[in-house]
C-alpha atoms as a PDB file:
ATOM      1  CA  MET A   1       0.000   0.000   0.000  1.00  0.00           C
ATOM      2  CA  ARG A   2       1.307   3.393  -0.909  1.00  0.00           C
ATOM      3  CA  ARG A   3       2.065   5.920   1.821  1.00  0.00           C
ATOM      4  CA  LEU A   4       3.037   9.563   1.985  1.00  0.00           C
ATOM      5  CA  ALA A   5       6.671  10.398   1.520  1.00  0.00           C
ATOM      6  CA  THR A   6       8.966  10.215   4.495  1.00  0.00           C
ATOM      7  CA  LEU A   7       9.016  13.324   6.633  1.00  0.00           C
ATOM      8  CA  LEU A   8      12.353  15.031   6.899  1.00  0.00           C
ATOM      9  CA  LEU A   9      13.418  17.247   9.794  1.00  0.00           C
ATOM     10  CA  ILE A  10      15.844  19.733   8.271  1.00  0.00           C
ATOM     11  CA  LEU A  11      19.043  20.525  10.225  1.00  0.00           C
ATOM     12  CA  CYS A  12      20.793  22.491   7.526  1.00  0.00           C
ATOM     13  CA  SER A  13      20.237  24.355   4.328  1.00  0.00           C
ATOM     14  CA  SER A  14      20.490  21.995   1.379  1.00  0.00           C
ATOM     15  CA  THR A  15      21.330  24.770  -1.062  1.00  0.00           C
ATOM     16  CA  THR A  16      24.225  25.775  -3.225  1.00  0.00           C
ATOM     17  CA  ALA A  17      25.980  29.049  -2.563  1.00  0.00           C
ATOM     18  CA  LEU A  18      24.436  31.136  -5.317  1.00  0.00           C
ATOM     19  CA  ALA A  19      23.905  34.856  -5.611  1.00  0.00           C
ATOM     20  CA  ASP A  20      20.882  35.065  -3.334  1.00  0.00           C
ATOM     21  CA  ALA A  21      18.936  33.092  -0.745  1.00  0.00           C
ATOM     22  CA  GLN A  22      17.960  29.873  -2.474  1.00  0.00           C
ATOM     23  CA  GLY A  23      15.134  27.613  -1.384  1.00  0.00           C
ATOM     24  CA  ARG A  24      16.018  24.459   0.504  1.00  0.00           C
ATOM     25  CA  VAL A  25      15.591  21.090  -1.151  1.00  0.00           C
ATOM     26  CA  THR A  26      15.193  17.646   0.352  1.00  0.00           C
ATOM     27  CA  SER A  27      17.601  14.806  -0.357  1.00  0.00           C
ATOM     28  CA  ALA A  28      15.168  13.658  -3.062  1.00  0.00           C
ATOM     29  CA  GLY A  29      15.579  17.025  -4.789  1.00  0.00           C
ATOM     30  CA  ALA A  30      12.131  18.356  -3.905  1.00  0.00           C
ATOM     31  CA  GLN A  31      11.782  22.067  -3.178  1.00  0.00           C
ATOM     32  CA  GLU A  32      10.725  22.669   0.409  1.00  0.00           C
ATOM     33  CA  ARG A  33       7.679  24.873   0.764  1.00  0.00           C
ATOM     34  CA  TRP A  34       4.324  25.018   2.453  1.00  0.00           C
ATOM     35  CA  HIS A  35       1.450  23.710   0.342  1.00  0.00           C
ATOM     36  CA  SER A  36      -1.320  25.060   2.575  1.00  0.00           C
ATOM     37  CA  GLU A  37      -2.917  28.393   1.762  1.00  0.00           C
ATOM     38  CA  LYS A  38      -3.357  29.262   5.456  1.00  0.00           C
ATOM     39  CA  LEU A  39      -1.059  28.526   8.373  1.00  0.00           C
ATOM     40  CA  VAL A  40      -1.873  28.730  12.081  1.00  0.00           C
ATOM     41  CA  VAL A  41       1.117  29.878  14.137  1.00  0.00           C
ATOM     42  CA  VAL A  42       0.972  29.664  17.928  1.00  0.00           C
ATOM     43  CA  LEU A  43       2.746  32.453  19.815  1.00  0.00           C
ATOM     44  CA  ASP A  44       3.932  30.696  22.949  1.00  0.00           C
ATOM     45  CA  PRO A  45       3.538  32.384  26.367  1.00  0.00           C
ATOM     46  CA  SER A  46       7.306  32.003  26.825  1.00  0.00           C
ATOM     47  CA  LEU A  47       7.806  34.929  24.412  1.00  0.00           C
ATOM     48  CA  ASP A  48       6.731  37.190  27.268  1.00  0.00           C
ATOM     49  CA  ASP A  49      10.034  36.273  28.938  1.00  0.00           C
ATOM     50  CA  LEU A  50      11.748  38.459  26.342  1.00  0.00           C
ATOM     51  CA  GLY A  51       9.862  41.554  27.461  1.00  0.00           C
ATOM     52  CA  PRO A  52       6.298  42.851  27.897  1.00  0.00           C
ATOM     53  CA  LYS A  53       6.044  43.997  24.269  1.00  0.00           C
ATOM     54  CA  ALA A  54       8.239  41.321  22.722  1.00  0.00           C
ATOM     55  CA  LYS A  55       5.364  39.217  21.441  1.00  0.00           C
ATOM     56  CA  GLU A  56       3.968  42.116  19.433  1.00  0.00           C
ATOM     57  CA  SER A  57       7.409  42.974  18.022  1.00  0.00           C
ATOM     58  CA  ILE A  58       7.911  39.356  17.002  1.00  0.00           C
ATOM     59  CA  ARG A  59       4.452  39.218  15.438  1.00  0.00           C
ATOM     60  CA  LYS A  60       5.373  42.210  13.264  1.00  0.00           C
ATOM     61  CA  GLY A  61       8.608  40.557  12.168  1.00  0.00           C
ATOM     62  CA  LEU A  62       6.826  37.302  11.340  1.00  0.00           C
ATOM     63  CA  SER A  63       4.279  39.204   9.236  1.00  0.00           C
ATOM     64  CA  ALA A  64       6.827  41.193   7.228  1.00  0.00           C
ATOM     65  CA  TRP A  65       7.000  38.706   4.343  1.00  0.00           C
ATOM     66  CA  SER A  66       3.246  38.154   3.969  1.00  0.00           C
ATOM     67  CA  HIS A  67       2.590  41.895   4.017  1.00  0.00           C
ATOM     68  CA  SER A  68       4.882  42.284   1.024  1.00  0.00           C
ATOM     69  CA  LEU A  69       3.750  39.313  -1.087  1.00  0.00           C
ATOM     70  CA  GLU A  70       0.282  38.041  -1.872  1.00  0.00           C
ATOM     71  CA  ASN A  71       1.250  34.556  -3.031  1.00  0.00           C
ATOM     72  CA  LEU A  72       2.591  33.396   0.354  1.00  0.00           C
ATOM     73  CA  PRO A  73       0.380  31.352   2.685  1.00  0.00           C
ATOM     74  CA  SER A  74      -1.720  33.580   4.930  1.00  0.00           C
ATOM     75  CA  LEU A  75      -0.832  33.532   8.619  1.00  0.00           C
ATOM     76  CA  GLU A  76      -3.184  33.294  11.572  1.00  0.00           C
ATOM     77  CA  PHE A  77      -1.467  34.032  14.882  1.00  0.00           C
ATOM     78  CA  VAL A  78      -2.931  32.435  17.986  1.00  0.00           C
ATOM     79  CA  ASP A  79      -1.806  33.219  21.530  1.00  0.00           C
ATOM     80  CA  GLY A  80      -0.918  29.960  23.254  1.00  0.00           C
ATOM     81  CA  LYS A  81      -2.400  29.377  26.698  1.00  0.00           C
ATOM     82  CA  GLU A  82       0.232  26.940  27.961  1.00  0.00           C
ATOM     83  CA  ARG A  83       3.959  26.803  27.376  1.00  0.00           C
ATOM     84  CA  GLY A  84       5.028  24.396  24.695  1.00  0.00           C
ATOM     85  CA  GLU A  85       8.349  23.175  23.406  1.00  0.00           C
ATOM     86  CA  GLU A  86      10.172  22.760  20.155  1.00  0.00           C
ATOM     87  CA  ALA A  87       8.988  19.351  18.977  1.00  0.00           C
ATOM     88  CA  TYR A  88       7.239  17.571  16.153  1.00  0.00           C
ATOM     89  CA  ASP A  89       3.839  17.583  17.824  1.00  0.00           C
ATOM     90  CA  GLY A  90       1.338  18.836  15.286  1.00  0.00           C
ATOM     91  CA  THR A  91       1.686  22.501  16.309  1.00  0.00           C
ATOM     92  CA  THR A  92       3.646  25.207  14.535  1.00  0.00           C
ATOM     93  CA  ARG A  93       4.829  27.621  17.206  1.00  0.00           C
ATOM     94  CA  VAL A  94       7.201  30.433  18.055  1.00  0.00           C
ATOM     95  CA  LEU A  95       8.708  30.190  21.519  1.00  0.00           C
ATOM     96  CA  ALA A  96      11.549  31.360  23.731  1.00  0.00           C
ATOM     97  CA  THR A  97      13.747  29.150  25.852  1.00  0.00           C
ATOM     98  CA  ARG A  98      17.265  28.903  27.186  1.00  0.00           C
ATOM     99  CA  VAL A  99      19.097  26.794  24.618  1.00  0.00           C
ATOM    100  CA  LEU A 100      21.488  24.359  26.277  1.00  0.00           C
ATOM    101  CA  ASP A 101      22.458  22.349  23.217  1.00  0.00           C
ATOM    102  CA  PRO A 102      26.083  23.372  22.500  1.00  0.00           C
ATOM    103  CA  ALA A 103      25.310  23.371  18.781  1.00  0.00           C
ATOM    104  CA  HIS A 104      22.780  26.190  19.231  1.00  0.00           C
ATOM    105  CA  ALA A 105      23.683  27.871  22.528  1.00  0.00           C
ATOM    106  CA  GLY A 106      25.394  30.689  20.615  1.00  0.00           C
ATOM    107  CA  ASP A 107      22.467  31.265  18.255  1.00  0.00           C
ATOM    108  CA  LEU A 108      20.018  34.132  18.667  1.00  0.00           C
ATOM    109  CA  ALA A 109      17.250  31.984  17.226  1.00  0.00           C
ATOM    110  CA  TYR A 110      16.753  28.986  14.971  1.00  0.00           C
ATOM    111  CA  THR A 111      14.021  27.452  12.855  1.00  0.00           C
ATOM    112  CA  ARG A 112      13.348  23.740  12.753  1.00  0.00           C
ATOM    113  CA  SER A 113      11.214  22.473   9.880  1.00  0.00           C
ATOM    114  CA  TYR A 114       9.607  19.165   8.973  1.00  0.00           C
ATOM    115  CA  ALA A 115       9.022  18.325   5.316  1.00  0.00           C
ATOM    116  CA  GLU A 116       8.087  15.327   3.221  1.00  0.00           C
ATOM    117  CA  THR A 117      11.146  13.996   1.452  1.00  0.00           C
ATOM    118  CA  ASN A 118       9.573  13.266  -1.929  1.00  0.00           C
ATOM    119  CA  SER A 119       7.195  16.226  -2.237  1.00  0.00           C
ATOM    120  CA  GLY A 120       9.082  18.865  -0.214  1.00  0.00           C
ATOM    121  CA  LYS A 121       5.829  19.763   1.518  1.00  0.00           C
ATOM    122  CA  ILE A 122       6.549  21.459   4.850  1.00  0.00           C
ATOM    123  CA  VAL A 123       4.095  20.125   7.419  1.00  0.00           C
ATOM    124  CA  GLU A 124       5.320  21.830  10.591  1.00  0.00           C
ATOM    125  CA  ALA A 125       7.973  24.285  11.783  1.00  0.00           C
ATOM    126  CA  ASP A 126       9.048  25.855  15.079  1.00  0.00           C
ATOM    127  CA  ILE A 127      10.973  29.097  15.600  1.00  0.00           C
ATOM    128  CA  VAL A 128      12.982  29.229  18.823  1.00  0.00           C
ATOM    129  CA  PHE A 129      14.327  32.440  20.396  1.00  0.00           C
ATOM    130  CA  ASN A 130      17.329  31.831  22.635  1.00  0.00           C
ATOM    131  CA  THR A 131      17.004  33.464  26.067  1.00  0.00           C
ATOM    132  CA  ASN A 132      20.770  33.257  26.502  1.00  0.00           C
ATOM    133  CA  PHE A 133      20.564  36.628  24.722  1.00  0.00           C
ATOM    134  CA  ALA A 134      18.662  39.817  25.566  1.00  0.00           C
ATOM    135  CA  PHE A 135      16.270  41.239  22.974  1.00  0.00           C
ATOM    136  CA  SER A 136      14.933  44.712  22.358  1.00  0.00           C
ATOM    137  CA  GLU A 137      11.221  45.227  21.720  1.00  0.00           C
ATOM    138  CA  GLN A 138      11.465  48.978  21.064  1.00  0.00           C
ATOM    139  CA  GLU A 139      10.521  50.607  17.773  1.00  0.00           C
ATOM    140  CA  LYS A 140      13.820  52.495  17.925  1.00  0.00           C
ATOM    141  CA  PRO A 141      16.238  50.511  20.132  1.00  0.00           C
ATOM    142  CA  SER A 142      18.129  52.711  22.566  1.00  0.00           C
ATOM    143  CA  ASN A 143      20.206  49.997  24.234  1.00  0.00           C
ATOM    144  CA  CYS A 144      22.703  48.692  21.715  1.00  0.00           C
ATOM    145  CA  ALA A 145      23.648  45.730  23.853  1.00  0.00           C
ATOM    146  CA  LEU A 146      20.322  44.161  22.835  1.00  0.00           C
ATOM    147  CA  TYR A 147      19.248  42.358  19.671  1.00  0.00           C
ATOM    148  CA  ASP A 148      16.196  43.567  17.782  1.00  0.00           C
ATOM    149  CA  ALA A 149      13.442  40.969  18.233  1.00  0.00           C
ATOM    150  CA  GLU A 150      11.520  42.109  15.165  1.00  0.00           C
ATOM    151  CA  SER A 151      14.561  41.779  12.893  1.00  0.00           C
ATOM    152  CA  VAL A 152      15.407  38.333  14.232  1.00  0.00           C
ATOM    153  CA  ALA A 153      11.793  37.218  13.715  1.00  0.00           C
ATOM    154  CA  ALA A 154      11.809  38.463  10.116  1.00  0.00           C
ATOM    155  CA  HIS A 155      15.021  36.556   9.363  1.00  0.00           C
ATOM    156  CA  GLU A 156      13.722  33.325  10.874  1.00  0.00           C
ATOM    157  CA  MET A 157      10.443  33.683   8.978  1.00  0.00           C
ATOM    158  CA  GLY A 158      12.425  33.497   5.755  1.00  0.00           C
ATOM    159  CA  HIS A 159      13.661  30.076   6.869  1.00  0.00           C
ATOM    160  CA  PHE A 160      10.116  29.211   7.944  1.00  0.00           C
ATOM    161  CA  PHE A 161       8.927  29.732   4.361  1.00  0.00           C
ATOM    162  CA  GLY A 162      11.785  27.596   2.994  1.00  0.00           C
ATOM    163  CA  LEU A 163      14.699  29.942   2.309  1.00  0.00           C
ATOM    164  CA  GLY A 164      18.343  29.344   3.137  1.00  0.00           C
ATOM    165  CA  GLU A 165      20.913  32.035   3.940  1.00  0.00           C
ATOM    166  CA  ASP A 166      21.911  34.920   1.669  1.00  0.00           C
ATOM    167  CA  PRO A 167      25.550  36.092   1.330  1.00  0.00           C
ATOM    168  CA  GLU A 168      24.356  39.655   0.650  1.00  0.00           C
ATOM    169  CA  VAL A 169      25.099  41.695   3.789  1.00  0.00           C
ATOM    170  CA  GLY A 170      22.134  44.030   3.332  1.00  0.00           C
ATOM    171  CA  SER A 171      19.506  41.319   2.964  1.00  0.00           C
ATOM    172  CA  THR A 172      17.128  40.084   5.648  1.00  0.00           C
ATOM    173  CA  MET A 173      18.425  36.556   5.021  1.00  0.00           C
ATOM    174  CA  TYR A 174      22.064  37.476   5.631  1.00  0.00           C
ATOM    175  CA  LEU A 175      23.314  35.108   8.297  1.00  0.00           C
ATOM    176  CA  ILE A 176      24.677  37.534  10.927  1.00  0.00           C
ATOM    177  CA  THR A 177      23.200  40.483  12.799  1.00  0.00           C
ATOM    178  CA  PRO A 178      24.855  42.890  15.275  1.00  0.00           C
ATOM    179  CA  PRO A 179      23.098  44.279  18.356  1.00  0.00           C
ATOM    180  CA  CYS A 180      20.705  47.174  17.813  1.00  0.00           C
ATOM    181  CA  ASN A 181      20.412  46.439  14.082  1.00  0.00           C
ATOM    182  CA  VAL A 182      16.878  46.958  12.739  1.00  0.00           C
ATOM    183  CA  ALA A 183      17.713  46.573   9.039  1.00  0.00           C
ATOM    184  CA  LYS A 184      16.369  43.035   8.781  1.00  0.00           C
ATOM    185  CA  ARG A 185      12.835  44.043   9.752  1.00  0.00           C
ATOM    186  CA  HIS A 186      11.793  44.553   6.133  1.00  0.00           C
ATOM    187  CA  PRO A 187      12.841  42.047   3.434  1.00  0.00           C
ATOM    188  CA  ILE A 188      14.548  43.755   0.512  1.00  0.00           C
ATOM    189  CA  GLU A 189      13.786  43.076  -3.148  1.00  0.00           C
ATOM    190  CA  ARG A 190      16.224  40.173  -3.478  1.00  0.00           C
ATOM    191  CA  ASP A 191      14.688  38.489  -0.404  1.00  0.00           C
ATOM    192  CA  LEU A 192      11.195  38.847  -1.866  1.00  0.00           C
ATOM    193  CA  GLN A 193      12.277  37.578  -5.283  1.00  0.00           C
ATOM    194  CA  SER A 194      13.853  34.497  -3.701  1.00  0.00           C
ATOM    195  CA  VAL A 195      10.766  33.519  -1.726  1.00  0.00           C
ATOM    196  CA  SER A 196       8.453  34.354  -4.657  1.00  0.00           C
ATOM    197  CA  MET A 197      10.191  31.665  -6.694  1.00  0.00           C
ATOM    198  CA  LEU A 198       9.101  29.095  -4.104  1.00  0.00           C
ATOM    199  CA  TYR A 199       5.444  30.051  -4.216  1.00  0.00           C
ATOM    200  CA  VAL A 200       4.623  30.430  -7.896  1.00  0.00           C
ATOM    201  CA  LYS A 201       1.009  29.361  -8.207  1.00  0.00           C
ATOM    202  CA  SER A 202       0.326  26.373 -10.444  1.00  0.00           C
ATOM    203  CA  ASP A 203      -2.999  25.140 -11.750  1.00  0.00           C
ATOM    204  CA  VAL A 204      -2.647  21.789 -10.033  1.00  0.00           C
ATOM    205  CA  GLU A 205      -0.796  20.877  -6.853  1.00  0.00           C
ATOM    206  CA  VAL A 206       0.386  17.260  -7.055  1.00  0.00           C
ATOM    207  CA  GLU A 207       0.625  15.272  -3.833  1.00  0.00           C
ATOM    208  CA  VAL A 208       3.731  13.104  -4.157  1.00  0.00           C
ATOM    209  CA  ALA A 209       3.545   9.661  -2.619  1.00  0.00           C
ATOM    210  CA  SER A 210       6.125   6.933  -2.185  1.00  0.00           C
ATOM    211  CA  ASP A 211       5.793   3.216  -2.014  1.00  0.00           C
ATOM    212  CA  SER A 212       6.909   1.121   0.927  1.00  0.00           C
ATOM    213  CA  THR A 213      10.228   0.328  -0.728  1.00  0.00           C
ATOM    214  CA  ASN A 214      11.402   3.903  -0.250  1.00  0.00           C
ATOM    215  CA  PRO A 215      13.754   3.728   2.776  1.00  0.00           C
ATOM    216  CA  HIS A 216      13.877   6.270   5.534  1.00  0.00           C
ATOM    217  CA  GLU A 217      16.959   8.336   4.975  1.00  0.00           C
ATOM    218  CA  LYS A 218      19.647  10.016   7.030  1.00  0.00           C
ATOM    219  CA  ALA A 219      20.756  13.555   6.284  1.00  0.00           C
ATOM    220  CA  GLY A 220      24.448  14.065   5.751  1.00  0.00           C
ATOM    221  CA  CYS A 221      24.154  17.597   7.147  1.00  0.00           C
ATOM    222  CA  SER A 222      23.166  16.508  10.646  1.00  0.00           C
ATOM    223  CA  THR A 223      25.633  15.897  13.423  1.00  0.00           C
ATOM    224  CA  THR A 224      23.101  13.625  15.096  1.00  0.00           C
ATOM    225  CA  PRO A 225      21.127  11.731  12.472  1.00  0.00           C
ATOM    226  CA  ALA A 226      17.667  11.036  13.881  1.00  0.00           C
ATOM    227  CA  SER A 227      17.527   7.423  12.955  1.00  0.00           C
ATOM    228  CA  LYS A 228      14.563   7.220  15.313  1.00  0.00           C
ATOM    229  CA  THR A 229      12.489   6.575  12.236  1.00  0.00           C
ATOM    230  CA  SER A 230       9.235   5.007  13.254  1.00  0.00           C
ATOM    231  CA  GLY A 231       5.694   4.799  11.998  1.00  0.00           C
ATOM    232  CA  SER A 232       5.559   8.560  12.092  1.00  0.00           C
ATOM    233  CA  GLY A 233       7.911   8.654   9.122  1.00  0.00           C
ATOM    234  CA  ILE A 234      10.296  11.171  10.713  1.00  0.00           C
ATOM    235  CA  GLY A 235      13.725  11.224   9.166  1.00  0.00           C
ATOM    236  CA  ILE A 236      16.564  13.574  10.132  1.00  0.00           C
ATOM    237  CA  VAL A 237      17.289  16.398  12.520  1.00  0.00           C
ATOM    238  CA  ALA A 238      18.596  19.753  11.418  1.00  0.00           C
ATOM    239  CA  ALA A 239      18.128  23.462  12.035  1.00  0.00           C
ATOM    240  CA  ILE A 240      18.742  26.870  10.594  1.00  0.00           C
ATOM    241  CA  ALA A 241      19.744  29.597  12.983  1.00  0.00           C
ATOM    242  CA  LEU A 242      20.546  33.262  13.235  1.00  0.00           C
ATOM    243  CA  VAL A 243      23.464  34.152  15.449  1.00  0.00           C
ATOM    244  CA  SER A 244      24.907  37.370  16.650  1.00  0.00           C
ATOM    245  CA  ARG A 245      28.038  39.379  16.033  1.00  0.00           C
ATOM    246  CA  ARG A 246      29.090  41.994  18.539  1.00  0.00           C
ATOM    247  CA  ARG A 247      30.641  45.128  17.107  1.00  0.00           C
ATOM    248  CA  ARG A 248      34.414  45.656  17.095  1.00  0.00           C
ATOM    249  CA  SER A 249      35.067  41.918  17.062  1.00  0.00           C
ATOM    250  CA  SER A 250      35.097  39.041  14.639  1.00  0.00           C
ATOM    251  CA  LYS A 251      36.276  36.319  16.955  1.00  0.00           C
ATOM    252  CA  ILE A 252      34.439  33.034  16.401  1.00  0.00           C
ATOM    253  CA  PHE A 253      32.957  31.862  19.663  1.00  0.00           C
ATOM    254  CA  SER A 254      30.864  28.754  19.106  1.00  0.00           C
ATOM    255  CA  GLN A 255      31.443  25.753  16.893  1.00  0.00           C
ATOM    256  CA  PRO A 256      29.201  24.973  13.928  1.00  0.00           C
ATOM    257  CA  SER A 257      26.985  21.942  14.467  1.00  0.00           C
ATOM    258  CA  SER A 258      28.494  20.306  11.400  1.00  0.00           C
ATOM    259  CA  ALA A 259      30.632  21.244   8.424  1.00  0.00           C
ATOM    260  CA  SER A 260      27.611  21.613   6.154  1.00  0.00           C
ATOM    261  CA  SER A 261      25.251  23.055   8.723  1.00  0.00           C
ATOM    262  CA  SER A 262      23.743  26.515   8.295  1.00  0.00           C
ATOM    263  CA  THR A 263      23.825  27.117  12.036  1.00  0.00           C
ATOM    264  CA  LEU A 264      25.382  30.521  12.534  1.00  0.00           C
ATOM    265  CA  ARG A 265      28.177  31.364  14.920  1.00  0.00           C
ATOM    266  CA  ASN A 266      28.284  34.027  17.575  1.00  0.00           C
ATOM    267  CA  SER A 267      31.277  36.344  17.858  1.00  0.00           C
ATOM    268  CA  ARG A 268      32.026  37.925  21.228  1.00  0.00           C
ATOM    269  CA  PRO A 269      34.464  40.672  22.123  1.00  0.00           C
END
């Protein structure tokens, strides 16, 4: 009996280093993107730990892409009543927590996505803000020891929709941000062009299926392959993160999670 393609939990960007932020692809070569026209995103109560107005700042950053493009899935934000966690649990959420995993402890935030290997259909994603860092929720940040929550949210939302990193310093999808920087709040033209390529409307959306002979795979980009493949069809673990760079320093502080991982590294003075 045929079954849906294996789900893949992405731990790195499976893209080539081209001129702009390219969409991620699964190991089967399928472009990762949401197929739903409307997405429900839970704003976890833990976001209040970042500040009394942090949730609203983050909501604005998450909405930046959809406000600029009509062909993206629409977003419905729901305030969560109980604290959740980053997990494949049927809920797409944005949360804040102290990240203890050495691979991500130096990241400002990261996005973890789950997609079907053969179709590339994203079925769930979580965005995690790292409370090891302090975030600003002000419209015009006055404390430049803090990282702009709205900018970080906008960057991670690019990953949420399926984009990798962009080598262009001025883009929202550029991999590093300094404290007090608000430039990433609004995706620039190259950001919007990149994500538009992922969501070109077609007359017919084809649901890709695989037969039972298709093995569950392991991702070469993960330091810890999730070979916990079970009836749920989950494959590999991976993440895309935004890390910080403090001004006047370029010293590399944390180690990348793997050689091919898109986890970003924090530089401290």
